[in-house]
Amino acid sequence: PVFNVKRFAEHASLDGFFLAIEAEDSKFDRDKTRAFLQGLGAREVNDIEP
């Protein structure tokens, strides 16, 4: 599914780094995870639907 996101498919191998986080854990919190990644300086955070 990550390759369905246009920017990911175009840039993941060129930029040299990407991170995928599975949301199946019962303790997962989408908003907190997004805020954490943005606080680390993430250029972009995308939700991927299966």
PDB file of N, CA and C in Angstrom:
ATOM      1  N   PRO A   1       0.789  -1.220   0.000  1.00  0.00           N
ATOM      2  CA  PRO A   1       0.000   0.000   0.000  1.00  0.00           C
ATOM      3  C   PRO A   1       0.835   1.291   0.000  1.00  0.00           C
ATOM      4  N   VAL A   2       2.056   1.267   0.570  1.00  0.00           N
ATOM      5  CA  VAL A   2       2.828   2.514   0.619  1.00  0.00           C
ATOM      6  C   VAL A   2       3.158   3.033  -0.770  1.00  0.00           C
ATOM      7  N   PHE A   3       3.275   2.142  -1.737  1.00  0.00           N
ATOM      8  CA  PHE A   3       3.609   2.584  -3.089  1.00  0.00           C
ATOM      9  C   PHE A   3       2.419   3.236  -3.793  1.00  0.00           C
ATOM     10  N   ASN A   4       1.248   3.210  -3.173  1.00  0.00           N
ATOM     11  CA  ASN A   4       0.085   3.909  -3.719  1.00  0.00           C
ATOM     12  C   ASN A   4       0.135   5.405  -3.420  1.00  0.00           C
ATOM     13  N   VAL A   5       1.023   5.826  -2.522  1.00  0.00           N
ATOM     14  CA  VAL A   5       1.211   7.248  -2.223  1.00  0.00           C
ATOM     15  C   VAL A   5       2.232   7.784  -3.220  1.00  0.00           C
ATOM     16  N   LYS A   6       1.787   8.694  -4.070  1.00  0.00           N
ATOM     17  CA  LYS A   6       2.613   9.163  -5.184  1.00  0.00           C
ATOM     18  C   LYS A   6       3.986   9.664  -4.737  1.00  0.00           C
ATOM     19  N   ARG A   7       4.034  10.540  -3.735  1.00  0.00           N
ATOM     20  CA  ARG A   7       5.330  11.087  -3.295  1.00  0.00           C
ATOM     21  C   ARG A   7       6.242   9.988  -2.761  1.00  0.00           C
ATOM     22  N   PHE A   8       5.683   9.010  -2.092  1.00  0.00           N
ATOM     23  CA  PHE A   8       6.503   7.911  -1.588  1.00  0.00           C
ATOM     24  C   PHE A   8       7.100   7.132  -2.748  1.00  0.00           C
ATOM     25  N   ALA A   9       6.258   6.757  -3.682  1.00  0.00           N
ATOM     26  CA  ALA A   9       6.722   5.966  -4.823  1.00  0.00           C
ATOM     27  C   ALA A   9       7.782   6.707  -5.629  1.00  0.00           C
ATOM     28  N   GLU A  10       7.666   8.019  -5.711  1.00  0.00           N
ATOM     29  CA  GLU A  10       8.610   8.812  -6.503  1.00  0.00           C
ATOM     30  C   GLU A  10       9.911   9.118  -5.763  1.00  0.00           C
ATOM     31  N   HIS A  11       9.869   9.213  -4.425  1.00  0.00           N
ATOM     32  CA  HIS A  11      11.021   9.747  -3.697  1.00  0.00           C
ATOM     33  C   HIS A  11      11.668   8.817  -2.680  1.00  0.00           C
ATOM     34  N   ALA A  12      11.015   7.757  -2.262  1.00  0.00           N
ATOM     35  CA  ALA A  12      11.552   6.935  -1.168  1.00  0.00           C
ATOM     36  C   ALA A  12      12.964   6.445  -1.446  1.00  0.00           C
ATOM     37  N   SER A  13      13.201   5.912  -2.613  1.00  0.00           N
ATOM     38  CA  SER A  13      14.542   5.396  -2.887  1.00  0.00           C
ATOM     39  C   SER A  13      15.528   6.508  -3.239  1.00  0.00           C
ATOM     40  N   LEU A  14      15.049   7.654  -3.686  1.00  0.00           N
ATOM     41  CA  LEU A  14      15.933   8.772  -4.014  1.00  0.00           C
ATOM     42  C   LEU A  14      16.406   9.501  -2.759  1.00  0.00           C
ATOM     43  N   ASP A  15      15.499   9.688  -1.819  1.00  0.00           N
ATOM     44  CA  ASP A  15      15.836  10.397  -0.592  1.00  0.00           C
ATOM     45  C   ASP A  15      16.651   9.527   0.360  1.00  0.00           C
ATOM     46  N   GLY A  16      16.562   8.230   0.199  1.00  0.00           N
ATOM     47  CA  GLY A  16      17.385   7.314   0.971  1.00  0.00           C
ATOM     48  C   GLY A  16      16.827   6.884   2.309  1.00  0.00           C
ATOM     49  N   PHE A  17      15.678   7.383   2.739  1.00  0.00           N
ATOM     50  CA  PHE A  17      15.152   6.998   4.043  1.00  0.00           C
ATOM     51  C   PHE A  17      13.644   7.164   4.079  1.00  0.00           C
ATOM     52  N   PHE A  18      12.987   6.180   4.668  1.00  0.00           N
ATOM     53  CA  PHE A  18      11.572   6.304   4.970  1.00  0.00           C
ATOM     54  C   PHE A  18      11.282   5.437   6.180  1.00  0.00           C
ATOM     55  N   LEU A  19      10.183   5.705   6.831  1.00  0.00           N
ATOM     56  CA  LEU A  19       9.788   4.977   8.026  1.00  0.00           C
ATOM     57  C   LEU A  19       8.324   4.608   7.891  1.00  0.00           C
ATOM     58  N   ALA A  20       8.011   3.348   8.097  1.00  0.00           N
ATOM     59  CA  ALA A  20       6.623   2.891   8.083  1.00  0.00           C
ATOM     60  C   ALA A  20       6.279   2.397   9.483  1.00  0.00           C
ATOM     61  N   ILE A  21       5.166   2.858  10.017  1.00  0.00           N
ATOM     62  CA  ILE A  21       4.715   2.463  11.350  1.00  0.00           C
ATOM     63  C   ILE A  21       3.371   1.768  11.203  1.00  0.00           C
ATOM     64  N   GLU A  22       3.298   0.537  11.691  1.00  0.00           N
ATOM     65  CA  GLU A  22       2.048  -0.220  11.645  1.00  0.00           C
ATOM     66  C   GLU A  22       1.102   0.301  12.725  1.00  0.00           C
ATOM     67  N   ALA A  23      -0.165   0.411  12.409  1.00  0.00           N
ATOM     68  CA  ALA A  23      -1.146   0.975  13.337  1.00  0.00           C
ATOM     69  C   ALA A  23      -1.999  -0.096  14.019  1.00  0.00           C
ATOM     70  N   GLU A  24      -1.601  -1.349  13.952  1.00  0.00           N
ATOM     71  CA  GLU A  24      -2.425  -2.431  14.503  1.00  0.00           C
ATOM     72  C   GLU A  24      -2.320  -2.565  16.018  1.00  0.00           C
ATOM     73  N   ASP A  25      -1.285  -2.013  16.628  1.00  0.00           N
ATOM     74  CA  ASP A  25      -1.093  -2.091  18.075  1.00  0.00           C
ATOM     75  C   ASP A  25      -2.218  -1.347  18.789  1.00  0.00           C
ATOM     76  N   SER A  26      -2.773  -1.938  19.837  1.00  0.00           N
ATOM     77  CA  SER A  26      -3.882  -1.304  20.562  1.00  0.00           C
ATOM     78  C   SER A  26      -3.462   0.005  21.233  1.00  0.00           C
ATOM     79  N   LYS A  27      -2.172   0.198  21.467  1.00  0.00           N
ATOM     80  CA  LYS A  27      -1.675   1.426  22.093  1.00  0.00           C
ATOM     81  C   LYS A  27      -1.335   2.510  21.068  1.00  0.00           C
ATOM     82  N   PHE A  28      -1.464   2.200  19.799  1.00  0.00           N
ATOM     83  CA  PHE A  28      -1.145   3.171  18.750  1.00  0.00           C
ATOM     84  C   PHE A  28      -2.110   4.351  18.819  1.00  0.00           C
ATOM     85  N   ASP A  29      -1.573   5.552  18.733  1.00  0.00           N
ATOM     86  CA  ASP A  29      -2.372   6.776  18.701  1.00  0.00           C
ATOM     87  C   ASP A  29      -1.903   7.592  17.496  1.00  0.00           C
ATOM     88  N   ARG A  30      -2.745   7.684  16.494  1.00  0.00           N
ATOM     89  CA  ARG A  30      -2.389   8.337  15.234  1.00  0.00           C
ATOM     90  C   ARG A  30      -1.936   9.785  15.444  1.00  0.00           C
ATOM     91  N   ASP A  31      -2.688  10.544  16.223  1.00  0.00           N
ATOM     92  CA  ASP A  31      -2.356  11.958  16.419  1.00  0.00           C
ATOM     93  C   ASP A  31      -1.047  12.143  17.184  1.00  0.00           C
ATOM     94  N   LYS A  32      -0.844  11.340  18.221  1.00  0.00           N
ATOM     95  CA  LYS A  32       0.402  11.446  18.993  1.00  0.00           C
ATOM     96  C   LYS A  32       1.602  11.021  18.156  1.00  0.00           C
ATOM     97  N   THR A  33       1.425   9.988  17.348  1.00  0.00           N
ATOM     98  CA  THR A  33       2.519   9.525  16.499  1.00  0.00           C
ATOM     99  C   THR A  33       2.873  10.585  15.463  1.00  0.00           C
ATOM    100  N   ARG A  34       1.864  11.174  14.846  1.00  0.00           N
ATOM    101  CA  ARG A  34       2.086  12.244  13.860  1.00  0.00           C
ATOM    102  C   ARG A  34       2.813  13.423  14.509  1.00  0.00           C
ATOM    103  N   ALA A  35       2.358  13.842  15.687  1.00  0.00           N
ATOM    104  CA  ALA A  35       2.983  14.966  16.383  1.00  0.00           C
ATOM    105  C   ALA A  35       4.432  14.640  16.749  1.00  0.00           C
ATOM    106  N   PHE A  36       4.685  13.414  17.183  1.00  0.00           N
ATOM    107  CA  PHE A  36       6.042  12.994  17.528  1.00  0.00           C
ATOM    108  C   PHE A  36       6.960  13.079  16.317  1.00  0.00           C
ATOM    109  N   LEU A  37       6.510  12.532  15.192  1.00  0.00           N
ATOM    110  CA  LEU A  37       7.325  12.542  13.975  1.00  0.00           C
ATOM    111  C   LEU A  37       7.562  13.965  13.480  1.00  0.00           C
ATOM    112  N   GLN A  38       6.539  14.790  13.534  1.00  0.00           N
ATOM    113  CA  GLN A  38       6.700  16.183  13.117  1.00  0.00           C
ATOM    114  C   GLN A  38       7.654  16.918  14.052  1.00  0.00           C
ATOM    115  N   GLY A  39       7.608  16.590  15.337  1.00  0.00           N
ATOM    116  CA  GLY A  39       8.514  17.192  16.300  1.00  0.00           C
ATOM    117  C   GLY A  39       9.970  16.819  16.044  1.00  0.00           C
ATOM    118  N   LEU A  40      10.176  15.669  15.406  1.00  0.00           N
ATOM    119  CA  LEU A  40      11.523  15.235  15.038  1.00  0.00           C
ATOM    120  C   LEU A  40      11.996  15.871  13.733  1.00  0.00           C
ATOM    121  N   GLY A  41      11.086  16.602  13.070  1.00  0.00           N
ATOM    122  CA  GLY A  41      11.457  17.275  11.831  1.00  0.00           C
ATOM    123  C   GLY A  41      11.080  16.528  10.570  1.00  0.00           C
ATOM    124  N   ALA A  42      10.099  15.630  10.673  1.00  0.00           N
ATOM    125  CA  ALA A  42       9.662  14.892   9.484  1.00  0.00           C
ATOM    126  C   ALA A  42       9.243  15.858   8.388  1.00  0.00           C
ATOM    127  N   ARG A  43       9.686  15.605   7.178  1.00  0.00           N
ATOM    128  CA  ARG A  43       9.293  16.444   6.039  1.00  0.00           C
ATOM    129  C   ARG A  43       7.833  16.243   5.693  1.00  0.00           C
ATOM    130  N   GLU A  44       7.399  15.002   5.836  1.00  0.00           N
ATOM    131  CA  GLU A  44       6.030  14.673   5.447  1.00  0.00           C
ATOM    132  C   GLU A  44       5.584  13.448   6.229  1.00  0.00           C
ATOM    133  N   VAL A  45       4.327  13.438   6.662  1.00  0.00           N
ATOM    134  CA  VAL A  45       3.745  12.290   7.348  1.00  0.00           C
ATOM    135  C   VAL A  45       2.451  11.965   6.621  1.00  0.00           C
ATOM    136  N   ASN A  46       2.331  10.734   6.128  1.00  0.00           N
ATOM    137  CA  ASN A  46       1.147  10.321   5.375  1.00  0.00           C
ATOM    138  C   ASN A  46       0.490   9.126   6.036  1.00  0.00           C
ATOM    139  N   ASP A  47      -0.837   9.111   6.022  1.00  0.00           N
ATOM    140  CA  ASP A  47      -1.582   7.932   6.441  1.00  0.00           C
ATOM    141  C   ASP A  47      -1.776   7.057   5.216  1.00  0.00           C
ATOM    142  N   ILE A  48      -1.539   5.774   5.380  1.00  0.00           N
ATOM    143  CA  ILE A  48      -1.685   4.819   4.284  1.00  0.00           C
ATOM    144  C   ILE A  48      -2.816   3.866   4.634  1.00  0.00           C
ATOM    145  N   GLU A  49      -3.813   3.806   3.804  1.00  0.00           N
ATOM    146  CA  GLU A  49      -4.923   2.879   4.020  1.00  0.00           C
ATOM    147  C   GLU A  49      -4.675   1.615   3.204  1.00  0.00           C
ATOM    148  N   PRO A  50      -4.959   0.455   3.802  1.00  0.00           N
ATOM    149  CA  PRO A  50      -4.724  -0.813   3.061  1.00  0.00           C
ATOM    150  C   PRO A  50      -5.641  -0.970   1.871  1.00  0.00           C
TER     151      PRO A  50
END
